[in-house]
Amino acid sequence: MTDKLTSLRQLTTVVADTGDIAAMKLYQPQDATTNPSLILNAAQIPEYRKAD
């Protein structure tokens, strides 16, 4: 039995409307957001900040 996400992948394009890199790795969308506010929010997550 396939899960719901796998079933949806057979019918449509899965996209991520998030800047959360961990979520994108988990769900492996075919496309992702370019929404600046979501990218800015993700940039504030400590794990995603570049070490100086």
PDB file of N, CA and C in Angstrom:
ATOM      1  N   MET A   1       0.846  -1.184   0.000  1.00  0.00           N
ATOM      2  CA  MET A   1       0.000   0.000   0.000  1.00  0.00           C
ATOM      3  C   MET A   1       0.891   1.247   0.000  1.00  0.00           C
ATOM      4  N   THR A   2       0.566   2.190  -0.872  1.00  0.00           N
ATOM      5  CA  THR A   2       1.361   3.413  -0.949  1.00  0.00           C
ATOM      6  C   THR A   2       0.791   4.470  -0.019  1.00  0.00           C
ATOM      7  N   ASP A   3       1.663   5.380   0.398  1.00  0.00           N
ATOM      8  CA  ASP A   3       1.181   6.459   1.250  1.00  0.00           C
ATOM      9  C   ASP A   3       0.526   7.546   0.388  1.00  0.00           C
ATOM     10  N   LYS A   4      -0.107   8.488   1.024  1.00  0.00           N
ATOM     11  CA  LYS A   4      -0.863   9.523   0.311  1.00  0.00           C
ATOM     12  C   LYS A   4       0.035  10.396  -0.553  1.00  0.00           C
ATOM     13  N   LEU A   5       1.218  10.745  -0.051  1.00  0.00           N
ATOM     14  CA  LEU A   5       2.118  11.587  -0.832  1.00  0.00           C
ATOM     15  C   LEU A   5       2.558  10.874  -2.103  1.00  0.00           C
ATOM     16  N   THR A   6       2.869   9.606  -2.000  1.00  0.00           N
ATOM     17  CA  THR A   6       3.259   8.835  -3.176  1.00  0.00           C
ATOM     18  C   THR A   6       2.116   8.776  -4.176  1.00  0.00           C
ATOM     19  N   SER A   7       0.908   8.593  -3.694  1.00  0.00           N
ATOM     20  CA  SER A   7      -0.260   8.573  -4.572  1.00  0.00           C
ATOM     21  C   SER A   7      -0.443   9.911  -5.269  1.00  0.00           C
ATOM     22  N   LEU A   8      -0.272  11.001  -4.530  1.00  0.00           N
ATOM     23  CA  LEU A   8      -0.399  12.331  -5.128  1.00  0.00           C
ATOM     24  C   LEU A   8       0.667  12.573  -6.190  1.00  0.00           C
ATOM     25  N   ARG A   9       1.869  12.080  -5.963  1.00  0.00           N
ATOM     26  CA  ARG A   9       2.953  12.262  -6.937  1.00  0.00           C
ATOM     27  C   ARG A   9       2.595  11.664  -8.293  1.00  0.00           C
ATOM     28  N   GLN A  10       1.769  10.645  -8.309  1.00  0.00           N
ATOM     29  CA  GLN A  10       1.367  10.016  -9.558  1.00  0.00           C
ATOM     30  C   GLN A  10       0.369  10.871 -10.328  1.00  0.00           C
ATOM     31  N   LEU A  11      -0.295  11.802  -9.640  1.00  0.00           N
ATOM     32  CA  LEU A  11      -1.353  12.593 -10.257  1.00  0.00           C
ATOM     33  C   LEU A  11      -1.004  14.058 -10.477  1.00  0.00           C
ATOM     34  N   THR A  12      -0.011  14.565  -9.746  1.00  0.00           N
ATOM     35  CA  THR A  12       0.248  15.998  -9.782  1.00  0.00           C
ATOM     36  C   THR A  12       1.709  16.295  -9.468  1.00  0.00           C
ATOM     37  N   THR A  13       2.071  17.544  -9.570  1.00  0.00           N
ATOM     38  CA  THR A  13       3.410  18.000  -9.217  1.00  0.00           C
ATOM     39  C   THR A  13       3.415  18.431  -7.760  1.00  0.00           C
ATOM     40  N   VAL A  14       4.326  17.873  -6.983  1.00  0.00           N
ATOM     41  CA  VAL A  14       4.439  18.225  -5.572  1.00  0.00           C
ATOM     42  C   VAL A  14       5.399  19.405  -5.444  1.00  0.00           C
ATOM     43  N   VAL A  15       4.932  20.470  -4.789  1.00  0.00           N
ATOM     44  CA  VAL A  15       5.764  21.652  -4.577  1.00  0.00           C
ATOM     45  C   VAL A  15       5.850  21.952  -3.088  1.00  0.00           C
ATOM     46  N   ALA A  16       6.875  22.692  -2.706  1.00  0.00           N
ATOM     47  CA  ALA A  16       7.053  23.093  -1.311  1.00  0.00           C
ATOM     48  C   ALA A  16       6.887  24.598  -1.211  1.00  0.00           C
ATOM     49  N   ASP A  17       5.922  25.033  -0.450  1.00  0.00           N
ATOM     50  CA  ASP A  17       5.715  26.456  -0.204  1.00  0.00           C
ATOM     51  C   ASP A  17       6.310  26.775   1.161  1.00  0.00           C
ATOM     52  N   THR A  18       7.615  26.561   1.267  1.00  0.00           N
ATOM     53  CA  THR A  18       8.345  26.736   2.520  1.00  0.00           C
ATOM     54  C   THR A  18       9.804  27.031   2.218  1.00  0.00           C
ATOM     55  N   GLY A  19      10.473  27.590   3.159  1.00  0.00           N
ATOM     56  CA  GLY A  19      11.911  27.762   3.060  1.00  0.00           C
ATOM     57  C   GLY A  19      12.638  26.786   3.962  1.00  0.00           C
ATOM     58  N   ASP A  20      11.898  25.906   4.598  1.00  0.00           N
ATOM     59  CA  ASP A  20      12.451  24.942   5.551  1.00  0.00           C
ATOM     60  C   ASP A  20      13.182  23.836   4.787  1.00  0.00           C
ATOM     61  N   ILE A  21      14.495  23.886   4.809  1.00  0.00           N
ATOM     62  CA  ILE A  21      15.306  22.941   4.052  1.00  0.00           C
ATOM     63  C   ILE A  21      15.087  21.508   4.523  1.00  0.00           C
ATOM     64  N   ALA A  22      14.907  21.306   5.814  1.00  0.00           N
ATOM     65  CA  ALA A  22      14.675  19.953   6.337  1.00  0.00           C
ATOM     66  C   ALA A  22      13.383  19.370   5.773  1.00  0.00           C
ATOM     67  N   ALA A  23      12.344  20.182   5.686  1.00  0.00           N
ATOM     68  CA  ALA A  23      11.076  19.708   5.122  1.00  0.00           C
ATOM     69  C   ALA A  23      11.237  19.378   3.643  1.00  0.00           C
ATOM     70  N   MET A  24      12.022  20.183   2.950  1.00  0.00           N
ATOM     71  CA  MET A  24      12.238  19.921   1.526  1.00  0.00           C
ATOM     72  C   MET A  24      13.021  18.633   1.319  1.00  0.00           C
ATOM     73  N   LYS A  25      13.986  18.369   2.184  1.00  0.00           N
ATOM     74  CA  LYS A  25      14.728  17.107   2.095  1.00  0.00           C
ATOM     75  C   LYS A  25      13.814  15.921   2.395  1.00  0.00           C
ATOM     76  N   LEU A  26      12.936  16.102   3.368  1.00  0.00           N
ATOM     77  CA  LEU A  26      12.038  15.023   3.766  1.00  0.00           C
ATOM     78  C   LEU A  26      11.032  14.684   2.671  1.00  0.00           C
ATOM     79  N   TYR A  27      10.391  15.704   2.104  1.00  0.00           N
ATOM     80  CA  TYR A  27       9.304  15.478   1.149  1.00  0.00           C
ATOM     81  C   TYR A  27       9.743  15.484  -0.308  1.00  0.00           C
ATOM     82  N   GLN A  28      10.949  15.942  -0.593  1.00  0.00           N
ATOM     83  CA  GLN A  28      11.517  15.954  -1.936  1.00  0.00           C
ATOM     84  C   GLN A  28      10.538  16.482  -2.989  1.00  0.00           C
ATOM     85  N   PRO A  29      10.139  17.746  -2.858  1.00  0.00           N
ATOM     86  CA  PRO A  29       9.221  18.316  -3.842  1.00  0.00           C
ATOM     87  C   PRO A  29       9.915  18.502  -5.188  1.00  0.00           C
ATOM     88  N   GLN A  30       9.113  18.648  -6.243  1.00  0.00           N
ATOM     89  CA  GLN A  30       9.654  18.878  -7.572  1.00  0.00           C
ATOM     90  C   GLN A  30       9.918  20.358  -7.818  1.00  0.00           C
ATOM     91  N   ASP A  31       9.363  21.207  -7.006  1.00  0.00           N
ATOM     92  CA  ASP A  31       9.550  22.643  -7.129  1.00  0.00           C
ATOM     93  C   ASP A  31       9.428  23.250  -5.739  1.00  0.00           C
ATOM     94  N   ALA A  32       9.883  24.490  -5.602  1.00  0.00           N
ATOM     95  CA  ALA A  32       9.847  25.144  -4.294  1.00  0.00           C
ATOM     96  C   ALA A  32       9.482  26.612  -4.455  1.00  0.00           C
ATOM     97  N   THR A  33       9.162  27.240  -3.346  1.00  0.00           N
ATOM     98  CA  THR A  33       8.729  28.627  -3.349  1.00  0.00           C
ATOM     99  C   THR A  33       9.862  29.588  -3.692  1.00  0.00           C
ATOM    100  N   THR A  34       9.474  30.727  -4.214  1.00  0.00           N
ATOM    101  CA  THR A  34      10.400  31.845  -4.366  1.00  0.00           C
ATOM    102  C   THR A  34       9.875  33.032  -3.565  1.00  0.00           C
ATOM    103  N   ASN A  35       8.943  32.760  -2.659  1.00  0.00           N
ATOM    104  CA  ASN A  35       8.341  33.802  -1.831  1.00  0.00           C
ATOM    105  C   ASN A  35       9.411  34.378  -0.903  1.00  0.00           C
ATOM    106  N   PRO A  36       9.756  35.657  -1.083  1.00  0.00           N
ATOM    107  CA  PRO A  36      10.832  36.250  -0.284  1.00  0.00           C
ATOM    108  C   PRO A  36      10.592  36.193   1.222  1.00  0.00           C
ATOM    109  N   SER A  37       9.362  36.331   1.667  1.00  0.00           N
ATOM    110  CA  SER A  37       9.113  36.307   3.110  1.00  0.00           C
ATOM    111  C   SER A  37       9.360  34.915   3.691  1.00  0.00           C
ATOM    112  N   LEU A  38       9.051  33.867   2.948  1.00  0.00           N
ATOM    113  CA  LEU A  38       9.317  32.509   3.431  1.00  0.00           C
ATOM    114  C   LEU A  38      10.816  32.217   3.441  1.00  0.00           C
ATOM    115  N   ILE A  39      11.514  32.710   2.439  1.00  0.00           N
ATOM    116  CA  ILE A  39      12.964  32.529   2.396  1.00  0.00           C
ATOM    117  C   ILE A  39      13.619  33.297   3.542  1.00  0.00           C
ATOM    118  N   LEU A  40      13.150  34.511   3.803  1.00  0.00           N
ATOM    119  CA  LEU A  40      13.685  35.304   4.914  1.00  0.00           C
ATOM    120  C   LEU A  40      13.444  34.605   6.245  1.00  0.00           C
ATOM    121  N   ASN A  41      12.246  34.061   6.436  1.00  0.00           N
ATOM    122  CA  ASN A  41      11.951  33.333   7.676  1.00  0.00           C
ATOM    123  C   ASN A  41      12.885  32.139   7.846  1.00  0.00           C
ATOM    124  N   ALA A  42      13.130  31.413   6.767  1.00  0.00           N
ATOM    125  CA  ALA A  42      14.029  30.262   6.843  1.00  0.00           C
ATOM    126  C   ALA A  42      15.451  30.709   7.147  1.00  0.00           C
ATOM    127  N   ALA A  43      15.842  31.859   6.627  1.00  0.00           N
ATOM    128  CA  ALA A  43      17.197  32.365   6.870  1.00  0.00           C
ATOM    129  C   ALA A  43      17.421  32.704   8.339  1.00  0.00           C
ATOM    130  N   GLN A  44      16.344  32.886   9.078  1.00  0.00           N
ATOM    131  CA  GLN A  44      16.456  33.202  10.502  1.00  0.00           C
ATOM    132  C   GLN A  44      16.612  31.951  11.365  1.00  0.00           C
ATOM    133  N   ILE A  45      16.396  30.776  10.804  1.00  0.00           N
ATOM    134  CA  ILE A  45      16.535  29.521  11.544  1.00  0.00           C
ATOM    135  C   ILE A  45      18.024  29.281  11.794  1.00  0.00           C
ATOM    136  N   PRO A  46      18.428  29.147  13.058  1.00  0.00           N
ATOM    137  CA  PRO A  46      19.860  29.034  13.387  1.00  0.00           C
ATOM    138  C   PRO A  46      20.603  27.936  12.615  1.00  0.00           C
ATOM    139  N   GLU A  47      19.972  26.805  12.369  1.00  0.00           N
ATOM    140  CA  GLU A  47      20.638  25.703  11.670  1.00  0.00           C
ATOM    141  C   GLU A  47      20.997  26.061  10.234  1.00  0.00           C
ATOM    142  N   TYR A  48      20.318  27.046   9.666  1.00  0.00           N
ATOM    143  CA  TYR A  48      20.537  27.412   8.268  1.00  0.00           C
ATOM    144  C   TYR A  48      21.465  28.610   8.113  1.00  0.00           C
ATOM    145  N   ARG A  49      21.876  29.192   9.205  1.00  0.00           N
ATOM    146  CA  ARG A  49      22.759  30.356   9.133  1.00  0.00           C
ATOM    147  C   ARG A  49      24.184  29.914   8.830  1.00  0.00           C
ATOM    148  N   LYS A  50      24.835  30.688   8.017  1.00  0.00           N
ATOM    149  CA  LYS A  50      26.227  30.406   7.683  1.00  0.00           C
ATOM    150  C   LYS A  50      27.115  30.790   8.860  1.00  0.00           C
ATOM    151  N   ALA A  51      28.024  29.915   9.207  1.00  0.00           N
ATOM    152  CA  ALA A  51      28.967  30.212  10.294  1.00  0.00           C
ATOM    153  C   ALA A  51      29.961  31.253   9.807  1.00  0.00           C
ATOM    154  N   ASP A  52      30.236  32.227  10.647  1.00  0.00           N
ATOM    155  CA  ASP A  52      31.188  33.287  10.266  1.00  0.00           C
ATOM    156  C   ASP A  52      32.611  32.850  10.466  1.00  0.00           C
TER     157      ASP A  52
END
